[in-house]
Amino acid sequence: MDYLIKDFGKLLKKNHLDRRHDLGSSTDCMRVYDRNQASIPVTVDLYGKYARLTDFSDEGLSSDFIDSLKAACVSNLYLKDGDIIVTRRKKRSEGEQHEKTELEPVVTTVSENGLFFDVNLTSYTDTGLFLDQVIARQFIREQSAGTDVLNLFSYTGSFSVYAAAGGANSVTSVDLSSTYTSWAQRNLEKNGFSGSVFPCISEDASVFVRNAIEEGKRYSIIIFDPPSFSNSHKMEKDFDVARDFAQWIRNLEKLLTKDGFIYFSTNYSLFELKGLDGVGLKVANVTDIFRAPGFSAKNRGAVRSWIMAKEENNLSLNWKEPERKSRRPQGHSDRRDRFEGSDSRVRSRRKPEKQFGLNEYKGASDRMRSARERNNYSEERPYRGYRDRSDDRRDFEGREYGNREYVRRERRDDYRPGRRFEDDRDRRPSYRSERPRYDRSERPERPRYERSDRSDRPSRRPSDNRPQSQKREKPYGYESFRPARSREDDSRFFWNDED
């Protein structure tokens, strides 16, 4: 079990670093763990100085295991033990809704792309800010300049804040709950948006749409992000996104301007986009483009998104990619820069403006594409290494060296001491072509050497080669005697044959 906690901590630390890089310093709320390990079915979301650990298991994790996960969060996310909030998200049955908890509310303010939002980490199942919609909100911000925006099922008004920050002429937020409507109003005022052009209306969205059609109102951007199911007593009838979305799209088409679009999203896992026959709208699936960093598409309840417009051209929307700072130090060069033919040591990560759509735009920004797609650039230039300078080097007659290998050889030989600086390579004979070839048939045969038996080989010690008759016995104690040290004594030992 310890190795699971260790891997969990490593993923926390790595994901936290990547999310900080992807989202920038102006964002302090992000998901750093999204059920990456099947044996640890939890999510970890950062909200400012707090971390929210949500248990998605069917039967619930043990308290000891939860304590181990909290300890890993403390050590790898550099948080205090008291700033980690543990919640559990139970699986709902059909038609069941989440209820308000009895925990003491923990309310804090977080920043996302320079905008501020109030979140409640304990009172509700959702905190008031859906982190998986961060890319979609930034897209609405880019598109809302000079437009009239309608945000249905506005919840806490996060889309409304982004639309107002993007320069919209008016932003209308509609939600059935008076609690969430007041929450949305606070978020707008917290970012400096108030007045009659940013109304927050607590009303049934179906009633508002019906009255708006009768009054002939038109909106350039309509945000339709409904819940999967709602059976509030304030509504005329219950709402089921899989059953009712097609009729809602038909009604919203009547409120849409000719050059506007509808942004529709849902996290209902069994949802299928069917039943739009007869609707005069072009549809583009932007789920992969709008998937937020840190969120996996394989998990149950992953958000899916579509854009609907009356004309095909309106699906090609201008998307300004955010500037990303490189994590590499200045002066660093990697192999990818050289193969792309970068003229500078550090290639800029900022991409030009592109057209957003199915045909014109293949993926959005680096943080929304996979690593393989990130390396596929449309502009392809040949590779030029730092040794390839054939266009700048010429020989003594002014001719260009076309062969890079020849250039390298010439550069190496030019600095050889004593070399004559003349191009006589064509006049020099080839060593391989003029050397005499040796005829093996003319070589005389030599007798093969036959080794004698090992027993007949002479001994390495000459004294043993003497006949036995010439050998004499050595006196007793010979091995203990040493050579004489006197210079007058010519004998090798102090004893001699005469003794």
Protein backbone atom coordinates (compact mmCIF):
# COMPACT_ATOMS: atom_id res chain seq x y z
CA MET A 1 0.00 0.00 0.00
CA ASP A 2 2.95 2.31 0.62
CA TYR A 3 3.97 2.25 -3.03
CA LEU A 4 0.47 3.43 -4.04
CA ILE A 5 0.75 6.44 -1.74
CA LYS A 6 4.25 7.11 -3.08
CA ASP A 7 3.04 7.08 -6.69
CA PHE A 8 0.10 9.25 -5.70
CA GLY A 9 2.48 11.83 -4.25
CA LYS A 10 4.67 11.82 -7.35
CA LEU A 11 1.65 12.44 -9.59
CA LEU A 12 0.49 15.27 -7.35
CA LYS A 13 3.82 17.02 -7.53
CA LYS A 14 4.25 16.60 -11.28
CA ASN A 15 0.68 17.61 -12.14
CA HIS A 16 0.87 20.63 -9.89
CA LEU A 17 4.00 21.85 -11.65
CA ASP A 18 2.46 21.26 -15.09
CA ARG A 19 -0.79 23.03 -14.20
CA ARG A 20 1.11 26.03 -12.87
CA HIS A 21 2.94 26.23 -16.16
CA ASP A 22 -0.15 25.70 -18.32
CA LEU A 23 -2.53 28.07 -16.55
CA GLY A 24 -0.07 30.77 -15.52
CA SER A 25 0.50 32.76 -12.36
CA SER A 26 -2.88 34.52 -12.60
CA THR A 27 -4.70 31.24 -11.78
CA ASP A 28 -4.63 29.58 -8.35
CA CYS A 29 -7.46 27.05 -8.80
CA MET A 30 -6.81 23.88 -10.78
CA ARG A 31 -7.14 20.09 -10.76
CA VAL A 32 -3.93 18.28 -9.93
CA TYR A 33 -5.25 14.69 -9.68
CA ASP A 34 -8.18 13.22 -11.61
CA ARG A 35 -8.45 9.55 -10.66
CA ASN A 36 -5.20 8.80 -12.45
CA GLN A 37 -4.81 5.52 -10.54
CA ALA A 38 -7.66 3.05 -10.54
CA SER A 39 -6.79 1.98 -7.00
CA ILE A 40 -7.10 5.59 -5.74
CA PRO A 41 -10.44 6.90 -7.13
CA VAL A 42 -10.22 10.46 -5.83
CA THR A 43 -9.83 13.93 -7.27
CA VAL A 44 -7.68 16.70 -5.82
CA ASP A 45 -8.53 20.31 -6.68
CA LEU A 46 -6.62 23.37 -5.52
CA TYR A 47 -8.57 26.48 -4.53
CA GLY A 48 -6.08 29.08 -3.42
CA LYS A 49 -4.50 27.87 -0.18
CA TYR A 50 -6.99 24.97 0.13
CA ALA A 51 -7.02 21.51 -1.41
CA ARG A 52 -10.31 19.66 -1.89
CA LEU A 53 -9.99 15.87 -1.91
CA THR A 54 -13.15 14.18 -3.23
CA ASP A 55 -13.78 10.46 -2.79
CA PHE A 56 -15.48 8.86 -5.83
CA SER A 57 -15.37 5.25 -4.63
CA ASP A 58 -18.60 3.26 -4.40
CA GLU A 59 -18.22 2.11 -0.80
CA GLY A 60 -15.98 4.89 0.50
CA LEU A 61 -12.29 4.75 1.41
CA SER A 62 -11.16 3.90 4.91
CA SER A 63 -10.20 6.67 7.30
CA ASP A 64 -6.59 5.41 7.53
CA PHE A 65 -6.24 5.48 3.76
CA ILE A 66 -7.73 8.98 3.62
CA ASP A 67 -5.21 10.13 6.24
CA SER A 68 -2.37 8.74 4.11
CA LEU A 69 -3.68 10.64 1.08
CA LYS A 70 -3.93 13.82 3.13
CA ALA A 71 -0.34 13.39 4.30
CA ALA A 72 0.79 13.01 0.67
CA CYS A 73 -1.06 16.21 -0.24
CA VAL A 74 0.58 18.07 2.63
CA SER A 75 4.11 17.02 1.66
CA ASN A 76 3.80 17.35 -2.11
CA LEU A 77 1.52 20.38 -2.44
CA TYR A 78 3.16 22.28 0.44
CA LEU A 79 -0.10 22.80 2.33
CA LYS A 80 -1.14 22.71 5.95
CA ASP A 81 -3.00 19.72 7.31
CA GLY A 82 -5.96 21.87 8.28
CA ASP A 83 -6.29 23.30 4.74
CA ILE A 84 -7.18 19.95 3.17
CA ILE A 85 -10.93 19.36 2.91
CA VAL A 86 -12.21 15.83 2.36
CA THR A 87 -15.60 15.26 0.73
CA ARG A 88 -17.35 12.28 -0.80
CA ARG A 89 -19.39 12.23 -3.99
CA LYS A 90 -21.86 9.38 -3.88
CA LYS A 91 -23.28 7.85 -7.00
CA ARG A 92 -26.79 9.14 -7.58
CA SER A 93 -29.71 7.04 -8.68
CA GLU A 94 -31.91 8.14 -11.56
CA GLY A 95 -33.72 11.38 -10.75
CA GLU A 96 -31.77 12.00 -7.52
CA GLN A 97 -30.06 15.34 -6.84
CA HIS A 98 -27.24 16.34 -4.53
CA GLU A 99 -28.27 17.77 -1.18
CA LYS A 100 -26.65 20.50 0.87
CA THR A 101 -24.24 19.20 3.49
CA GLU A 102 -24.21 20.03 7.19
CA LEU A 103 -20.49 20.85 7.34
CA GLU A 104 -19.29 24.24 8.44
CA PRO A 105 -18.93 26.40 5.32
CA VAL A 106 -15.42 27.21 4.13
CA VAL A 107 -15.65 30.18 1.74
CA THR A 108 -12.63 31.65 -0.04
CA THR A 109 -11.85 33.77 -3.09
CA VAL A 110 -9.83 32.30 -5.94
CA SER A 111 -8.32 33.78 -9.08
CA GLU A 112 -8.70 32.38 -12.59
CA ASN A 113 -7.08 34.16 -15.54
CA GLY A 114 -7.01 37.39 -13.55
CA LEU A 115 -10.71 37.22 -12.55
CA PHE A 116 -11.95 36.58 -9.01
CA PHE A 117 -14.66 34.18 -7.82
CA ASP A 118 -16.10 33.15 -4.45
CA VAL A 119 -16.16 29.40 -3.83
CA ASN A 120 -17.70 27.33 -1.04
CA LEU A 121 -15.69 24.18 -0.41
CA THR A 122 -17.91 22.34 2.06
CA SER A 123 -21.60 23.35 1.93
CA TYR A 124 -22.40 21.96 -1.53
CA THR A 125 -21.28 19.09 -3.69
CA ASP A 126 -19.99 21.63 -6.23
CA THR A 127 -17.87 24.54 -5.12
CA GLY A 128 -19.44 27.22 -7.33
CA LEU A 129 -16.71 27.16 -10.00
CA PHE A 130 -16.45 24.30 -12.49
CA LEU A 131 -12.72 23.95 -13.17
CA ASP A 132 -13.31 21.80 -16.27
CA GLN A 133 -14.79 24.80 -18.14
CA VAL A 134 -11.78 27.10 -17.87
CA ILE A 135 -10.88 26.87 -21.57
CA ALA A 136 -14.51 27.37 -22.64
CA ARG A 137 -14.81 30.43 -20.42
CA GLN A 138 -11.66 31.91 -21.93
CA PHE A 139 -13.10 31.26 -25.39
CA ILE A 140 -16.29 33.14 -24.51
CA ARG A 141 -14.15 35.99 -23.25
CA GLU A 142 -12.34 36.21 -26.58
CA GLN A 143 -15.59 36.20 -28.58
CA SER A 144 -17.83 38.48 -26.54
CA ALA A 145 -16.46 41.91 -27.48
CA GLY A 146 -19.35 44.13 -28.61
CA THR A 147 -21.98 41.36 -28.34
CA ASP A 148 -25.11 40.64 -26.32
CA VAL A 149 -24.66 37.49 -24.25
CA LEU A 150 -27.35 35.28 -22.68
CA ASN A 151 -26.22 32.86 -19.96
CA LEU A 152 -28.93 30.27 -19.17
CA PHE A 153 -28.64 28.09 -16.08
CA SER A 154 -25.97 30.60 -15.11
CA TYR A 155 -25.25 28.99 -11.68
CA THR A 156 -22.74 31.35 -9.99
CA GLY A 157 -22.18 33.45 -13.12
CA SER A 158 -18.62 32.45 -14.04
CA PHE A 159 -19.40 32.57 -17.79
CA SER A 160 -21.07 35.93 -17.27
CA VAL A 161 -17.97 37.35 -15.59
CA TYR A 162 -15.78 36.21 -18.49
CA ALA A 163 -18.18 37.65 -21.06
CA ALA A 164 -18.25 40.99 -19.24
CA ALA A 165 -14.45 40.98 -19.01
CA GLY A 166 -14.31 40.39 -22.76
CA GLY A 167 -16.15 43.64 -23.49
CA ALA A 168 -19.73 42.47 -24.06
CA ASN A 169 -22.36 45.17 -24.49
CA SER A 170 -24.72 43.30 -22.17
CA VAL A 171 -24.69 40.03 -20.23
CA THR A 172 -27.96 38.50 -18.98
CA SER A 173 -27.68 35.74 -16.37
CA VAL A 174 -30.73 33.53 -15.70
CA ASP A 175 -30.99 30.87 -12.99
CA LEU A 176 -33.85 29.41 -11.02
CA SER A 177 -32.08 29.50 -7.63
CA SER A 178 -32.09 32.83 -5.83
CA THR A 179 -29.03 31.70 -3.87
CA TYR A 180 -26.97 31.16 -6.98
CA THR A 181 -28.34 34.34 -8.56
CA SER A 182 -27.08 36.40 -5.61
CA TRP A 183 -23.79 34.53 -5.82
CA ALA A 184 -23.46 35.45 -9.51
CA GLN A 185 -24.19 39.08 -8.69
CA ARG A 186 -21.38 39.09 -6.10
CA ASN A 187 -18.93 37.59 -8.57
CA LEU A 188 -19.77 40.28 -11.14
CA GLU A 189 -19.39 43.06 -8.61
CA LYS A 190 -16.14 41.57 -7.30
CA ASN A 191 -14.67 42.04 -10.79
CA GLY A 192 -16.10 45.53 -11.25
CA PHE A 193 -19.22 44.74 -13.35
CA SER A 194 -22.53 46.09 -12.13
CA GLY A 195 -25.51 47.96 -13.45
CA SER A 196 -28.45 47.35 -15.74
CA VAL A 197 -26.30 45.91 -18.54
CA PHE A 198 -25.35 42.95 -16.32
CA PRO A 199 -28.69 41.75 -14.90
CA CYS A 200 -28.95 38.56 -12.84
CA ILE A 201 -32.48 37.18 -13.03
CA SER A 202 -33.88 34.50 -10.71
CA GLU A 203 -36.45 32.83 -12.96
CA ASP A 204 -37.24 29.59 -14.69
CA ALA A 205 -35.10 29.54 -17.83
CA SER A 206 -37.90 28.07 -19.97
CA VAL A 207 -40.22 30.93 -18.99
CA PHE A 208 -37.54 33.51 -19.73
CA VAL A 209 -36.86 32.04 -23.17
CA ARG A 210 -40.54 31.96 -24.04
CA ASN A 211 -40.99 35.62 -23.04
CA ALA A 212 -37.82 36.64 -24.89
CA ILE A 213 -39.09 35.04 -28.10
CA GLU A 214 -42.38 36.91 -27.79
CA GLU A 215 -40.53 40.19 -27.21
CA GLY A 216 -38.27 39.59 -30.24
CA LYS A 217 -34.97 39.72 -28.36
CA ARG A 218 -31.77 38.59 -30.06
CA TYR A 219 -28.41 37.49 -28.67
CA SER A 220 -25.09 36.95 -30.40
CA ILE A 221 -23.82 34.39 -27.86
CA ILE A 222 -26.07 31.98 -25.93
CA ILE A 223 -24.47 29.84 -23.23
CA PHE A 224 -26.53 26.70 -22.59
CA ASP A 225 -24.86 24.67 -19.82
CA PRO A 226 -27.80 22.97 -18.05
CA PRO A 227 -27.72 20.36 -15.27
CA SER A 228 -28.24 16.73 -16.18
CA PHE A 229 -31.51 16.60 -14.26
CA SER A 230 -33.63 19.01 -12.22
CA ASN A 231 -37.00 18.54 -10.54
CA SER A 232 -37.33 21.74 -8.55
CA HIS A 233 -40.83 22.66 -7.43
CA LYS A 234 -40.28 26.16 -8.85
CA MET A 235 -40.22 24.77 -12.40
CA GLU A 236 -43.29 24.12 -14.53
CA LYS A 237 -41.99 20.60 -15.19
CA ASP A 238 -38.84 18.64 -14.48
CA PHE A 239 -35.83 18.96 -16.78
CA ASP A 240 -33.88 16.08 -18.34
CA VAL A 241 -31.07 17.09 -20.67
CA ALA A 242 -31.17 13.85 -22.69
CA ARG A 243 -34.89 14.22 -23.28
CA ASP A 244 -35.40 17.99 -23.58
CA PHE A 245 -32.25 19.41 -25.13
CA ALA A 246 -33.50 19.20 -28.75
CA GLN A 247 -36.58 21.32 -28.00
CA TRP A 248 -34.44 23.80 -26.12
CA ILE A 249 -32.09 24.16 -29.11
CA ARG A 250 -35.06 24.84 -31.41
CA ASN A 251 -36.25 27.62 -29.10
CA LEU A 252 -32.80 29.10 -28.68
CA GLU A 253 -32.36 29.21 -32.45
CA LYS A 254 -35.14 31.83 -32.52
CA LEU A 255 -33.15 34.07 -30.15
CA LEU A 256 -29.87 33.72 -32.06
CA THR A 257 -28.60 36.41 -34.42
CA LYS A 258 -27.48 35.50 -37.92
CA ASP A 259 -23.79 35.73 -37.07
CA GLY A 260 -24.08 34.35 -33.51
CA PHE A 261 -23.54 30.92 -31.99
CA ILE A 262 -24.77 28.70 -29.15
CA TYR A 263 -22.34 27.08 -26.75
CA PHE A 264 -23.85 23.84 -25.40
CA SER A 265 -22.17 21.51 -22.91
CA THR A 266 -23.14 18.68 -20.58
CA ASN A 267 -21.39 16.20 -18.28
CA TYR A 268 -24.10 13.54 -18.55
CA SER A 269 -22.11 10.44 -19.47
CA LEU A 270 -24.96 8.74 -21.41
CA PHE A 271 -25.85 11.81 -23.47
CA GLU A 272 -26.08 11.49 -27.28
CA LEU A 273 -26.53 14.41 -29.64
CA LYS A 274 -29.58 13.12 -31.48
CA GLY A 275 -32.98 14.53 -32.42
CA LEU A 276 -31.86 17.77 -34.09
CA ASP A 277 -33.55 16.97 -37.40
CA GLY A 278 -35.16 20.05 -38.84
CA VAL A 279 -32.98 22.45 -36.84
CA GLY A 280 -31.21 24.85 -39.17
CA LEU A 281 -27.96 24.94 -37.24
CA LYS A 282 -24.47 23.77 -38.12
CA VAL A 283 -22.85 21.81 -35.30
CA ALA A 284 -19.15 21.47 -34.38
CA ASN A 285 -17.90 19.20 -31.61
CA VAL A 286 -15.29 21.10 -29.60
CA THR A 287 -14.92 18.68 -26.69
CA ASP A 288 -11.24 17.91 -27.28
CA ILE A 289 -10.42 21.56 -27.93
CA PHE A 290 -12.07 22.79 -24.73
CA ARG A 291 -10.84 20.03 -22.42
CA ALA A 292 -9.22 21.71 -19.46
CA PRO A 293 -5.68 20.80 -18.31
CA GLY A 294 -5.67 18.09 -15.68
CA PHE A 295 -9.02 16.55 -16.67
CA SER A 296 -9.18 13.11 -18.24
CA ALA A 297 -11.69 12.21 -20.94
CA LYS A 298 -11.86 8.59 -19.72
CA ASN A 299 -13.51 9.34 -16.39
CA ARG A 300 -17.23 9.18 -15.93
CA GLY A 301 -18.88 12.58 -16.06
CA ALA A 302 -16.30 14.28 -18.29
CA VAL A 303 -17.75 17.40 -19.89
CA ARG A 304 -18.57 17.45 -23.62
CA SER A 305 -19.12 20.59 -25.65
CA TRP A 306 -20.59 21.71 -28.99
CA ILE A 307 -20.89 24.97 -30.88
CA MET A 308 -23.98 25.58 -33.03
CA ALA A 309 -24.40 28.38 -35.59
CA LYS A 310 -26.78 29.21 -38.42
CA GLU A 311 -24.01 29.41 -41.02
CA GLU A 312 -20.94 27.30 -41.54
CA ASN A 313 -18.72 30.38 -41.65
CA ASN A 314 -19.74 31.30 -38.12
CA LEU A 315 -18.11 28.12 -36.82
CA SER A 316 -14.73 29.51 -37.92
CA LEU A 317 -14.23 31.91 -35.04
CA ASN A 318 -11.10 33.89 -34.31
CA TRP A 319 -9.19 32.26 -31.52
CA LYS A 320 -6.27 34.10 -30.05
CA GLU A 321 -3.95 31.63 -28.47
CA PRO A 322 -2.58 32.67 -25.07
CA GLU A 323 1.11 33.40 -24.78
CA ARG A 324 3.04 30.69 -23.00
CA LYS A 325 6.36 31.23 -21.34
CA SER A 326 9.03 28.65 -22.00
CA ARG A 327 10.27 26.64 -19.02
CA ARG A 328 13.67 26.30 -20.61
CA PRO A 329 16.40 28.72 -19.49
CA GLN A 330 17.67 31.40 -21.82
CA GLY A 331 20.28 30.13 -24.26
CA HIS A 332 19.09 26.55 -24.05
CA SER A 333 18.64 24.71 -27.32
CA ASP A 334 17.12 21.30 -27.76
CA ARG A 335 17.01 18.92 -30.70
CA ARG A 336 13.49 19.93 -31.68
CA ASP A 337 14.59 23.55 -32.28
CA ARG A 338 17.44 22.46 -34.55
CA PHE A 339 15.30 20.09 -36.60
CA GLU A 340 12.72 22.81 -37.11
CA GLY A 341 15.41 25.09 -38.44
CA SER A 342 15.13 27.69 -35.73
CA ASP A 343 17.38 30.66 -36.39
CA SER A 344 17.61 31.56 -32.69
CA ARG A 345 18.78 29.47 -29.80
CA VAL A 346 15.39 29.71 -28.08
CA ARG A 347 12.28 29.42 -30.22
CA SER A 348 9.29 31.54 -29.20
CA ARG A 349 6.30 29.55 -27.98
CA ARG A 350 3.80 32.16 -29.11
CA LYS A 351 1.76 31.10 -32.13
CA PRO A 352 0.06 33.44 -34.61
CA GLU A 353 -3.69 33.92 -34.74
CA LYS A 354 -5.50 31.02 -36.34
CA GLN A 355 -9.01 30.32 -37.46
CA PHE A 356 -11.18 28.29 -35.12
CA GLY A 357 -13.24 25.64 -36.85
CA LEU A 358 -13.35 22.09 -38.11
CA ASN A 359 -11.51 22.60 -41.40
CA GLU A 360 -9.32 25.58 -40.67
CA TYR A 361 -8.26 24.81 -37.14
CA LYS A 362 -6.80 21.50 -36.08
CA GLY A 363 -6.55 21.86 -32.34
CA ALA A 364 -6.42 25.00 -30.24
CA SER A 365 -3.49 25.88 -27.99
CA ASP A 366 -0.57 23.85 -26.67
CA ARG A 367 -2.32 23.15 -23.41
CA MET A 368 -5.33 21.67 -25.25
CA ARG A 369 -3.39 19.38 -27.57
CA SER A 370 -1.45 16.23 -26.97
CA ALA A 371 2.32 16.20 -26.99
CA ARG A 372 2.39 14.56 -30.41
CA GLU A 373 0.15 17.20 -31.99
CA ARG A 374 2.14 19.93 -30.29
CA ASN A 375 5.25 18.97 -32.27
CA ASN A 376 3.48 18.89 -35.65
CA TYR A 377 3.90 22.32 -37.16
CA SER A 378 2.71 23.31 -40.61
CA GLU A 379 5.93 25.05 -41.55
CA GLU A 380 8.65 22.56 -42.38
CA ARG A 381 12.18 23.66 -43.12
CA PRO A 382 15.23 21.51 -43.81
CA TYR A 383 17.63 20.73 -41.04
CA ARG A 384 20.80 22.80 -40.91
CA GLY A 385 23.26 21.84 -38.26
CA TYR A 386 25.88 24.18 -36.88
CA ARG A 387 28.53 22.56 -39.11
CA ASP A 388 26.54 23.14 -42.31
CA ARG A 389 28.02 26.32 -43.75
CA SER A 390 28.52 25.23 -47.34
CA ASP A 391 27.02 28.42 -48.77
CA ASP A 392 29.64 30.56 -46.95
CA ARG A 393 32.81 28.58 -47.77
CA ARG A 394 34.50 28.75 -51.16
CA ASP A 395 37.75 27.32 -52.51
CA PHE A 396 40.63 29.33 -53.88
CA GLU A 397 38.97 29.60 -57.32
CA GLY A 398 35.67 30.87 -55.86
CA ARG A 399 33.77 27.61 -56.34
CA GLU A 400 31.19 26.63 -53.74
CA TYR A 401 31.60 23.44 -51.79
CA GLY A 402 28.42 21.48 -52.33
CA ASN A 403 29.23 18.44 -50.24
CA ARG A 404 29.02 19.11 -46.53
CA GLU A 405 31.31 16.17 -45.74
CA TYR A 406 33.88 17.61 -48.14
CA VAL A 407 33.60 20.94 -46.39
CA ARG A 408 34.25 19.39 -43.00
CA ARG A 409 37.29 17.54 -44.37
CA GLU A 410 38.64 20.70 -45.93
CA ARG A 411 38.15 22.65 -42.74
CA ARG A 412 40.03 20.00 -40.78
CA ASP A 413 42.90 19.83 -43.28
CA ASP A 414 43.32 23.60 -43.69
CA TYR A 415 44.83 23.89 -40.25
CA ARG A 416 47.20 20.96 -40.56
CA PRO A 417 50.80 22.19 -40.08
CA GLY A 418 52.88 22.12 -43.25
CA ARG A 419 49.99 21.47 -45.65
CA ARG A 420 50.24 23.06 -49.10
CA PHE A 421 47.20 25.18 -49.83
CA GLU A 422 46.39 23.98 -53.30
CA ASP A 423 43.56 21.93 -54.70
CA ASP A 424 45.39 18.95 -56.23
CA ARG A 425 42.91 16.27 -55.24
CA ASP A 426 42.03 15.55 -58.87
CA ARG A 427 45.68 15.15 -59.88
CA ARG A 428 46.77 12.90 -57.05
CA PRO A 429 46.73 9.16 -57.90
CA SER A 430 44.52 6.89 -55.95
CA TYR A 431 46.36 4.62 -53.57
CA ARG A 432 43.81 1.87 -53.94
CA SER A 433 43.91 1.89 -57.75
CA GLU A 434 47.75 1.79 -58.33
CA ARG A 435 49.11 -0.42 -55.57
CA PRO A 436 50.36 -3.84 -56.82
CA ARG A 437 48.11 -6.70 -56.09
CA TYR A 438 49.75 -9.75 -54.49
CA ASP A 439 49.23 -13.09 -56.23
CA ARG A 440 48.72 -15.72 -53.57
CA SER A 441 49.39 -18.55 -56.09
CA GLU A 442 53.07 -17.52 -56.40
CA ARG A 443 53.73 -17.75 -52.68
CA PRO A 444 55.90 -20.82 -51.88
CA GLU A 445 54.47 -23.39 -49.62
CA ARG A 446 56.01 -23.53 -46.18
CA PRO A 447 55.99 -26.65 -44.06
CA ARG A 448 53.46 -26.48 -41.36
CA TYR A 449 54.90 -26.34 -37.88
CA GLU A 450 54.15 -29.40 -35.85
CA ARG A 451 54.25 -29.06 -32.14
CA SER A 452 56.10 -31.71 -30.23
CA ASP A 453 54.59 -33.50 -27.37
CA ARG A 454 54.54 -31.48 -24.17
CA SER A 455 56.62 -34.12 -22.42
CA ASP A 456 59.48 -33.72 -24.97
CA ARG A 457 59.66 -29.96 -24.66
CA PRO A 458 62.84 -28.67 -22.98
CA SER A 459 62.53 -27.50 -19.43
CA ARG A 460 62.79 -23.84 -18.68
CA ARG A 461 65.36 -24.43 -15.94
CA PRO A 462 68.86 -25.19 -17.47
CA SER A 463 70.16 -26.92 -14.39
CA ASP A 464 67.64 -29.68 -14.78
CA ASN A 465 68.72 -30.36 -18.38
CA ARG A 466 72.05 -31.77 -17.28
CA PRO A 467 72.49 -35.56 -17.28
CA GLN A 468 71.92 -37.31 -14.00
CA SER A 469 75.60 -38.32 -13.86
CA GLN A 470 76.73 -34.69 -13.82
CA LYS A 471 74.43 -33.77 -11.00
CA ARG A 472 75.89 -33.82 -7.50
CA GLU A 473 74.29 -33.96 -4.19
CA LYS A 474 73.95 -30.81 -2.28
CA PRO A 475 75.13 -30.81 1.32
CA TYR A 476 72.82 -31.00 4.23
CA GLY A 477 71.31 -27.62 4.97
CA TYR A 478 71.97 -26.20 1.50
CA GLU A 479 68.60 -24.52 1.29
CA SER A 480 69.40 -22.46 4.41
CA PHE A 481 72.80 -21.25 3.14
CA ARG A 482 73.17 -17.84 1.52
CA PRO A 483 75.70 -16.56 -1.02
CA ALA A 484 78.94 -15.22 0.34
CA ARG A 485 79.27 -11.46 0.65
CA SER A 486 83.12 -11.26 0.59
CA ARG A 487 84.62 -9.63 -2.51
CA GLU A 488 87.88 -11.67 -2.16
CA ASP A 489 86.04 -14.96 -2.34
CA ASP A 490 85.51 -15.94 -6.00
CA SER A 491 83.23 -18.80 -5.21
CA ARG A 492 79.54 -18.30 -5.37
CA PHE A 493 78.88 -19.84 -2.00
CA PHE A 494 80.99 -19.80 1.12
CA TRP A 495 81.51 -23.53 0.77
CA ASN A 496 83.34 -25.10 -2.25
CA ASP A 497 83.89 -28.47 -3.85
CA GLU A 498 87.18 -29.15 -2.02
CA ASP A 499 85.53 -29.08 1.41
